[in-house]
């Protein structure tokens, strides 16, 4: 069944530390030792050379080695090599090139919100996004990034889960910037402290700053219009062929 097929090809991606929520998702591509994810999922490893780990649904783990990647703003893929194989057999996804069609039934898999539970969802292609991607009518969340999108009929991979559509990306970015500006202002305090009873003015400001940070995390996690964006697999496939 395609659900089991895609599930046993999908892994959770962690950068630096395995403990805690994952940074995104990935999948076995073309051979069992090659893992594909988004470049933005492993950005800390690209910039700071953090360790990268793959973790299966059964909690098996293996360190990953970065082979190649695109810029995160262009095609947004990364190819990695498993340092050690997993003990349980894994499915390998092969590409279906030539693009996707509006209305095409697909499945996508990943670890939304960084949870440790692998979820497989069904959706349809809603329409094209420029020349490199396509919209899907599925609820994509943080943690889904880098997961596989497969044709529901033959199980071949057509794309990589890469973005989720907000009400407008500009509005979300503006809100985040404003929240961060306020948070930083409150974190600095007022240059002096005033205590009334047991209440410290700077302590109150620090509490407000912490609350703003938590509010932004909640807002980002739940701002979902049920529209995801996949990037076509052909670009990662070209990179694989060039290795």
Protein backbone atom coordinates (compact mmCIF):
# COMPACT_ATOMS: atom_id res chain seq x y z
CA UNK A 1 0.00 0.00 0.00
CA UNK A 2 1.33 3.46 -0.86
CA UNK A 3 0.86 4.71 2.73
CA UNK A 4 3.23 2.07 4.12
CA UNK A 5 5.56 2.51 1.16
CA UNK A 6 6.05 6.24 1.77
CA UNK A 7 6.16 5.83 5.57
CA UNK A 8 9.04 3.34 5.47
CA UNK A 9 11.04 5.69 3.25
CA UNK A 10 10.66 8.76 5.50
CA UNK A 11 12.97 9.86 8.32
CA UNK A 12 13.08 12.72 10.78
CA UNK A 13 16.04 15.09 10.41
CA UNK A 14 17.86 16.50 13.44
CA UNK A 15 20.70 18.99 13.40
CA UNK A 16 23.26 19.04 16.24
CA UNK A 17 21.20 17.24 18.91
CA UNK A 18 18.96 14.19 18.52
CA UNK A 19 17.09 14.93 21.72
CA UNK A 20 14.10 17.24 21.39
CA UNK A 21 11.92 18.04 18.41
CA UNK A 22 13.22 17.41 14.92
CA UNK A 23 14.16 20.12 12.45
CA UNK A 24 12.33 18.55 9.52
CA UNK A 25 11.84 15.43 7.45
CA UNK A 26 13.68 13.56 4.71
CA UNK A 27 13.50 10.39 2.62
CA UNK A 28 15.55 7.65 0.99
CA UNK A 29 16.12 8.57 -2.65
CA UNK A 30 17.35 6.32 -5.48
CA UNK A 31 19.40 4.16 -3.10
CA UNK A 32 19.15 3.27 0.58
CA UNK A 33 22.15 5.36 1.61
CA UNK A 34 21.06 8.66 0.05
CA UNK A 35 18.68 10.92 1.98
CA UNK A 36 17.04 14.02 0.50
CA UNK A 37 15.66 16.93 2.50
CA UNK A 38 15.35 20.72 2.16
CA UNK A 39 18.47 22.87 2.37
CA UNK A 40 16.67 25.13 4.85
CA UNK A 41 16.06 22.16 7.19
CA UNK A 42 19.82 21.65 7.64
CA UNK A 43 20.82 25.32 7.44
CA UNK A 44 22.62 25.19 10.79
CA UNK A 45 24.73 22.30 9.51
CA UNK A 46 25.55 24.18 6.31
CA UNK A 47 26.49 27.37 8.16
CA UNK A 48 27.88 26.09 11.46
CA UNK A 49 28.79 22.49 10.48
CA UNK A 50 26.44 21.01 13.06
CA UNK A 51 26.00 17.24 13.09
CA UNK A 52 23.05 15.90 11.09
CA UNK A 53 21.05 12.84 12.12
CA UNK A 54 18.31 10.74 10.54
CA UNK A 55 15.83 8.99 12.85
CA UNK A 56 13.28 6.43 11.68
CA UNK A 57 9.76 5.90 12.97
CA UNK A 58 11.18 2.97 14.97
CA UNK A 59 13.70 5.32 16.65
CA UNK A 60 16.71 3.95 14.82
CA UNK A 61 19.25 6.68 14.20
CA UNK A 62 22.20 7.29 11.91
CA UNK A 63 24.57 10.19 11.39
CA UNK A 64 24.39 11.89 7.98
CA UNK A 65 27.09 13.41 5.79
CA UNK A 66 26.21 16.37 3.56
CA UNK A 67 26.96 15.60 -0.09
CA UNK A 68 25.59 18.64 -1.90
CA UNK A 69 22.87 21.25 -1.61
CA UNK A 70 21.22 24.09 -3.48
CA UNK A 71 20.78 27.60 -2.10
CA UNK A 72 17.72 27.54 0.16
CA UNK A 73 16.10 30.28 -1.95
CA UNK A 74 16.51 28.27 -5.17
CA UNK A 75 15.12 24.72 -5.45
CA UNK A 76 15.86 24.17 -1.72
CA UNK A 77 17.23 20.63 -1.71
CA UNK A 78 20.05 18.85 0.08
CA UNK A 79 21.47 15.38 -0.54
CA UNK A 80 23.00 13.48 2.36
CA UNK A 81 24.71 10.14 2.87
CA UNK A 82 23.89 7.71 5.67
CA UNK A 83 27.02 6.90 7.66
CA UNK A 84 25.47 3.68 8.95
CA UNK A 85 22.55 1.72 7.52
CA UNK A 86 19.41 0.90 9.47
CA UNK A 87 18.74 -2.63 10.67
CA UNK A 88 15.17 -2.74 9.36
CA UNK A 89 14.61 -2.74 5.57
CA UNK A 90 13.80 0.67 4.13
CA UNK A 91 11.87 1.60 1.01
CA UNK A 92 13.67 3.73 -1.55
CA UNK A 93 11.73 6.31 -3.54
CA UNK A 94 12.40 6.63 -7.27
CA UNK A 95 11.57 9.82 -9.17
CA UNK A 96 8.66 10.43 -11.49
CA UNK A 97 9.90 13.19 -13.74
CA UNK A 98 7.94 15.41 -16.11
CA UNK A 99 6.00 17.52 -13.65
CA UNK A 100 2.61 17.12 -12.01
CA UNK A 101 -0.94 17.80 -13.14
CA UNK A 102 -3.66 19.80 -11.44
CA UNK A 103 -5.99 17.36 -9.69
CA UNK A 104 -3.34 14.64 -9.42
CA UNK A 105 -3.79 12.61 -6.24
CA UNK A 106 -0.73 12.52 -4.03
CA UNK A 107 0.45 11.48 -0.58
CA UNK A 108 3.01 13.25 1.57
CA UNK A 109 4.74 12.21 4.77
CA UNK A 110 6.69 13.82 7.59
CA UNK A 111 6.91 14.80 11.23
CA UNK A 112 4.74 17.96 11.55
CA UNK A 113 5.59 20.36 14.40
CA UNK A 114 8.72 18.27 15.04
CA UNK A 115 6.73 15.59 16.88
CA UNK A 116 8.18 12.07 16.95
CA UNK A 117 5.14 10.54 15.23
CA UNK A 118 5.32 10.02 11.47
CA UNK A 119 2.14 11.11 9.69
CA UNK A 120 1.12 10.25 6.12
CA UNK A 121 -1.51 12.49 4.53
CA UNK A 122 -3.45 12.48 1.28
CA UNK A 123 -4.01 15.53 -0.92
CA UNK A 124 -4.35 16.72 -4.49
CA UNK A 125 -2.27 19.02 -6.60
CA UNK A 126 -4.12 22.34 -6.70
CA UNK A 127 -2.04 24.11 -9.32
CA UNK A 128 1.47 25.11 -10.42
CA UNK A 129 3.78 27.52 -8.60
CA UNK A 130 6.02 29.19 -11.16
CA UNK A 131 8.24 26.66 -12.95
CA UNK A 132 9.72 24.82 -9.99
CA UNK A 133 6.85 23.86 -7.70
CA UNK A 134 3.18 23.22 -7.13
CA UNK A 135 0.43 23.85 -4.59
CA UNK A 136 -1.25 21.04 -2.70
CA UNK A 137 -4.48 21.18 -0.73
CA UNK A 138 -2.87 19.67 2.36
CA UNK A 139 -2.06 20.96 5.84
CA UNK A 140 1.69 21.41 5.80
CA UNK A 141 3.28 22.43 9.10
CA UNK A 142 6.73 23.11 10.44
CA UNK A 143 8.55 19.76 10.59
CA UNK A 144 6.98 18.55 7.33
CA UNK A 145 9.68 20.38 5.36
CA UNK A 146 11.89 18.00 3.41
CA UNK A 147 9.35 15.18 3.40
CA UNK A 148 8.40 13.27 0.24
CA UNK A 149 5.40 13.89 -2.02
CA UNK A 150 4.53 10.79 -4.05
CA UNK A 151 2.04 9.92 -6.76
CA UNK A 152 -0.75 8.05 -4.98
CA UNK A 153 -1.10 5.55 -7.84
CA UNK A 154 2.46 4.30 -8.30
CA UNK A 155 4.30 5.54 -5.19
CA UNK A 156 6.97 7.36 -7.18
CA UNK A 157 8.20 10.67 -5.82
CA UNK A 158 7.15 13.86 -7.60
CA UNK A 159 8.24 16.53 -5.13
CA UNK A 160 9.60 17.65 -1.78
CA UNK A 161 7.42 19.32 0.87
CA UNK A 162 9.04 22.75 1.11
CA UNK A 163 6.70 25.53 2.25
CA UNK A 164 3.33 26.22 3.77
CA UNK A 165 1.19 29.08 2.58
CA UNK A 166 0.26 31.72 5.16
CA UNK A 167 -2.51 34.28 4.68
CA UNK A 168 0.27 36.27 3.05
CA UNK A 169 3.95 35.58 3.73
CA UNK A 170 4.61 39.34 3.94
CA UNK A 171 2.03 39.83 6.70
CA UNK A 172 3.49 36.95 8.73
CA UNK A 173 7.03 38.27 8.33
CA UNK A 174 5.94 41.78 9.36
CA UNK A 175 4.14 40.46 12.44
CA UNK A 176 7.19 38.39 13.44
CA UNK A 177 9.50 41.39 13.03
CA UNK A 178 7.24 43.59 15.15
CA UNK A 179 6.98 40.97 17.89
CA UNK A 180 10.75 40.47 17.93
CA UNK A 181 11.37 44.22 18.07
CA UNK A 182 9.04 44.53 21.07
CA UNK A 183 10.59 41.47 22.72
CA UNK A 184 14.12 42.85 22.35
CA UNK A 185 13.02 46.23 23.68
CA UNK A 186 11.47 44.69 26.77
CA UNK A 187 14.47 42.38 27.32
CA UNK A 188 16.73 45.44 27.61
CA UNK A 189 14.61 46.83 30.41
CA UNK A 190 14.54 50.57 31.13
CA UNK A 191 18.13 51.14 32.29
CA UNK A 192 17.13 51.16 35.94
CA UNK A 193 14.90 49.06 38.13
CA UNK A 194 11.92 50.05 40.22
CA UNK A 195 10.53 47.76 42.88
CA UNK A 196 7.09 48.15 44.36
CA UNK A 197 6.47 45.63 47.07
CA UNK A 198 7.80 42.37 45.62
CA UNK A 199 7.29 43.46 42.00
CA UNK A 200 10.31 44.45 39.90
CA UNK A 201 9.70 46.62 36.84
CA UNK A 202 12.47 44.93 34.86
CA UNK A 203 11.17 41.54 36.01
CA UNK A 204 7.75 42.41 34.57
CA UNK A 205 9.36 43.52 31.30
CA UNK A 206 11.31 40.25 31.08
CA UNK A 207 8.10 38.32 31.63
CA UNK A 208 6.39 40.29 28.84
CA UNK A 209 9.33 39.57 26.51
CA UNK A 210 9.15 35.85 27.29
CA UNK A 211 5.39 35.82 26.70
CA UNK A 212 5.82 37.55 23.34
CA UNK A 213 8.30 34.88 22.28
CA UNK A 214 5.88 32.13 23.23
CA UNK A 215 3.04 33.93 21.45
CA UNK A 216 5.09 34.07 18.25
CA UNK A 217 5.87 30.33 18.48
CA UNK A 218 2.16 29.54 18.89
CA UNK A 219 1.20 31.86 16.06
CA UNK A 220 3.76 30.32 13.69
CA UNK A 221 2.68 26.78 14.61
CA UNK A 222 -1.02 27.37 14.03
CA UNK A 223 -1.04 29.82 11.11
CA UNK A 224 -2.11 27.29 8.48
CA UNK A 225 -4.50 27.81 5.59
CA UNK A 226 -4.43 24.17 4.50
CA UNK A 227 -2.25 24.98 1.49
CA UNK A 228 1.20 23.44 1.09
CA UNK A 229 3.87 23.98 -1.54
CA UNK A 230 6.05 21.25 -3.00
CA UNK A 231 9.18 21.73 -5.09
CA UNK A 232 9.57 19.37 -8.02
CA UNK A 233 11.95 16.44 -7.57
CA UNK A 234 13.77 16.97 -10.86
CA UNK A 235 16.30 19.40 -9.36
CA UNK A 236 17.38 17.01 -6.60
CA UNK A 237 17.43 14.23 -9.18
CA UNK A 238 19.80 16.23 -11.41
CA UNK A 239 22.09 16.77 -8.41
CA UNK A 240 21.99 13.03 -7.63
CA UNK A 241 22.97 12.19 -11.22
CA UNK A 242 25.90 14.62 -10.95
CA UNK A 243 27.41 13.01 -7.85
